[in-house]
Protein backbone atom coordinates (compact mmCIF):
# COMPACT_ATOMS: atom_id res chain seq x y z
CA MET A 1 -12.85 -54.44 41.87
CA LEU A 2 -15.28 -53.15 39.21
CA ARG A 3 -15.90 -49.97 41.22
CA ALA A 4 -12.15 -49.31 41.62
CA THR A 5 -11.68 -49.77 37.86
CA ALA A 6 -14.52 -47.35 37.10
CA VAL A 7 -13.02 -44.73 39.46
CA ALA A 8 -9.58 -45.17 37.86
CA ILE A 9 -11.07 -44.67 34.39
CA LEU A 10 -12.90 -41.52 35.51
CA LEU A 11 -9.73 -40.12 37.04
CA THR A 12 -7.64 -40.73 33.91
CA THR A 13 -10.26 -39.68 31.35
CA GLN A 14 -9.61 -36.20 30.02
CA THR A 15 -12.36 -34.03 28.64
CA ALA A 16 -11.85 -33.22 24.99
CA ALA A 17 -11.23 -29.52 24.53
CA ALA A 18 -10.51 -26.94 21.88
CA ASP A 19 -7.12 -25.50 22.91
CA ILE A 20 -6.08 -22.54 20.79
CA ALA A 21 -2.42 -21.59 20.34
CA VAL A 22 -1.49 -18.17 19.02
CA ARG A 23 2.04 -17.36 17.87
CA PHE A 24 3.52 -14.05 16.80
CA VAL A 25 6.36 -14.20 14.27
CA GLU A 26 8.39 -11.02 13.78
CA SER A 27 9.49 -10.67 10.18
CA ALA A 28 10.25 -8.04 7.61
CA PRO A 29 8.40 -6.54 5.94
CA LYS A 30 5.34 -8.37 7.33
CA ASP A 31 4.78 -9.74 10.83
CA ARG A 32 2.65 -12.87 11.14
CA PHE A 33 0.09 -14.22 13.61
CA ILE A 34 -0.70 -17.95 13.50
CA ILE A 35 -3.78 -19.25 15.29
CA GLU A 36 -4.01 -23.04 15.57
CA ASN A 37 -6.58 -25.36 17.08
CA LEU A 38 -4.51 -27.86 19.07
CA GLY A 39 -7.59 -29.44 20.60
CA ASP A 40 -9.81 -32.41 19.88
CA CYS A 41 -12.88 -30.54 18.65
CA ALA A 42 -13.79 -27.61 16.45
CA LEU A 43 -13.98 -24.11 17.84
CA THR A 44 -17.33 -22.83 16.57
CA ALA A 45 -19.29 -19.59 16.75
CA ALA A 46 -16.52 -17.85 18.68
CA GLY A 47 -14.84 -14.49 18.78
CA LEU A 48 -11.06 -14.28 19.07
CA THR A 49 -9.49 -10.96 20.02
CA LEU A 50 -5.80 -10.09 19.97
CA ASP A 51 -5.38 -7.23 22.45
CA MET A 52 -2.00 -5.46 22.42
CA ALA A 53 -2.97 -2.84 25.04
CA GLY A 54 -1.18 -4.67 27.87
CA SER A 55 1.97 -5.45 25.89
CA ALA A 56 5.33 -4.49 27.36
CA GLY A 57 6.21 -2.61 24.15
CA GLY A 58 2.95 -0.67 23.81
CA LEU A 59 2.29 -2.47 20.52
CA ILE A 60 0.06 -1.10 17.75
CA PHE A 61 -0.97 -2.24 14.29
CA ASP A 62 0.63 -0.11 11.56
CA VAL A 63 -1.56 -0.50 8.47
CA THR A 64 -1.14 2.80 6.58
CA GLY A 65 1.72 5.06 5.51
CA SER A 66 0.38 7.99 7.49
CA GLY A 67 -0.52 7.69 11.13
CA ALA A 68 0.68 6.10 14.30
CA GLY A 69 3.22 3.63 12.90
CA VAL A 70 6.92 3.89 12.11
CA GLU A 71 8.41 3.71 8.58
CA VAL A 72 7.16 0.48 6.94
CA PHE A 73 3.46 -0.41 7.13
CA GLN A 74 1.48 -3.46 6.06
CA PRO A 75 -2.30 -3.88 6.00
CA PHE A 76 -4.09 -6.95 7.38
CA ASP A 77 -3.67 -9.83 4.91
CA LEU A 78 -5.30 -13.19 5.60
CA VAL A 79 -3.00 -15.96 4.33
CA ALA A 80 -4.69 -19.09 5.73
CA GLY A 81 -8.03 -20.11 7.18
CA GLU A 82 -10.48 -17.96 5.24
CA SER A 83 -13.14 -20.69 5.42
CA ALA A 84 -12.92 -20.65 9.24
CA LEU A 85 -13.95 -16.99 9.45
CA ASP A 86 -17.17 -15.05 9.19
CA GLY A 87 -15.69 -12.12 7.26
CA LEU A 88 -12.52 -10.12 7.71
CA PRO A 89 -11.83 -7.59 10.45
CA GLU A 90 -11.48 -3.88 9.85
CA VAL A 91 -8.11 -2.73 11.20
CA ARG A 92 -7.31 0.97 11.43
CA ASP A 93 -3.84 2.44 11.75
CA GLY A 94 -2.82 2.59 15.41
CA ASP A 95 -5.39 0.02 16.59
CA ARG A 96 -4.36 -2.16 19.51
CA GLU A 97 -6.98 -4.87 18.91
CA ILE A 98 -8.00 -7.21 16.14
CA SER A 99 -11.18 -9.27 16.49
CA LEU A 100 -11.89 -12.32 14.36
CA ASN A 101 -15.31 -13.97 14.12
CA ILE A 102 -14.68 -17.69 13.87
CA SER A 103 -17.45 -19.78 12.33
CA ALA A 104 -15.58 -23.12 12.66
CA LEU A 105 -11.91 -23.90 13.21
CA ALA A 106 -11.38 -27.67 12.98
CA PRO A 107 -8.84 -29.58 15.08
CA GLY A 108 -5.39 -29.06 13.58
CA ALA A 109 -6.57 -26.17 11.39
CA GLN A 110 -4.94 -22.75 11.29
CA ILE A 111 -5.81 -19.14 10.67
CA ALA A 112 -2.83 -16.99 9.72
CA PHE A 113 -2.49 -13.38 8.75
CA THR A 114 0.24 -10.85 8.15
CA ILE A 115 0.28 -7.26 9.31
CA ASP A 116 2.83 -4.75 10.58
CA VAL A 117 3.20 -4.47 14.35
CA ASP A 118 5.19 -1.56 15.81
CA ASP A 119 6.16 -0.80 19.38
CA THR A 120 5.60 2.62 20.89
CA ALA A 121 7.96 2.19 23.86
CA GLU A 122 11.25 2.44 21.93
CA ALA A 123 12.67 5.12 19.65
CA ARG A 124 13.04 2.58 16.81
CA GLY A 125 9.67 0.80 16.89
CA ILE A 126 9.80 -1.24 13.69
CA MET A 127 11.17 -4.48 15.21
CA VAL A 128 9.13 -6.28 17.87
CA SER A 129 10.80 -8.84 20.12
CA GLY A 130 9.08 -11.60 22.06
CA ALA A 131 9.67 -9.61 25.23
CA GLU A 132 7.78 -6.63 23.79
CA ILE A 133 4.63 -8.67 23.11
CA THR A 134 4.69 -10.10 26.64
CA GLY A 135 1.46 -9.15 28.38
CA ALA A 136 -0.59 -8.77 25.20
CA ALA A 137 -3.72 -10.90 25.49
CA VAL A 138 -5.73 -13.38 23.47
CA ARG A 139 -9.43 -13.62 24.38
CA ILE A 140 -11.84 -16.23 23.10
CA THR A 141 -15.56 -15.65 23.61
CA GLU A 142 -18.12 -18.40 23.13
CA GLY A 143 -21.63 -17.39 24.13
CA ASP A 144 -21.38 -15.91 27.63
CA ALA A 145 -17.99 -17.50 28.40
CA THR A 146 -14.70 -15.68 27.85
CA ARG A 147 -11.31 -17.30 28.33
CA SER A 148 -7.98 -15.57 27.93
CA ALA A 149 -4.23 -15.97 28.07
CA ALA A 150 -1.29 -13.59 27.86
CA PHE A 151 1.57 -13.84 25.40
CA ASP A 152 4.80 -15.02 27.01
CA SER A 153 8.35 -13.89 26.20
CA GLY A 154 8.45 -16.59 23.49
CA ALA A 155 5.68 -14.66 21.66
CA SER A 156 3.09 -17.42 22.22
CA ALA A 157 -0.19 -17.73 24.07
CA LEU A 158 -2.34 -20.83 24.75
CA VAL A 159 -6.04 -20.47 25.52
CA SER A 160 -8.13 -23.39 26.67
CA ALA A 161 -11.38 -22.68 24.87
CA GLY A 162 -13.29 -25.15 27.00
CA PRO A 163 -14.76 -28.60 26.59
CA CYS A 164 -16.19 -29.84 23.34
CA ALA A 165 -19.91 -29.45 22.86
CA ALA A 166 -21.88 -32.68 23.19
CA ALA A 167 -22.66 -34.32 19.87
C-alpha cells in the first residue's frame, strides 16, 4: 500500500516551472508587449527575444520618423519591470527583433513596454491584427538551453522556461 501511494504521489506531483506568457496589444498610438511570469519560480539570468521575422504580416519595429515604418512611430518605452532587466535594449528603425536581458523576473511579475509595430505585407501597415503577428516567435535562453513558442492568432505566446533551479 505504501509503495502504491508513493507512486501515485510521484505521478501527480508537477515540477515547478517558470512559464512565461507574452501578449501583444495593438493600440494607437503605441502598441504594447506584456511579458508575465505565470510560473512558480523566478526566471533568472535569461535572455528573452521577440522575433518578428516569421510573422504573417512581415512585422517590423517603427521607432523613428524616417525609415522603414509607416506614418506614426514610437520608440521603445519600458513601462513596467525595470528592476527585472539588466539594461534596456537598443532598437533601430526597421528591426525585427528585440532582446531583453532578464536578471530576475519573480512569479507573477511583469515586464511591459510600448513601441510601434508596423506590418510590411499590407498597403496600410499601421494597424497590426492578431493574425498578422501569428508566427512571430518568443525565445528564452538560459545558459545553453533555448525554449521558444510562436504567437497565435490571439496575439499571445506561452513559453515553458523549464523547471525551477534547486534551492
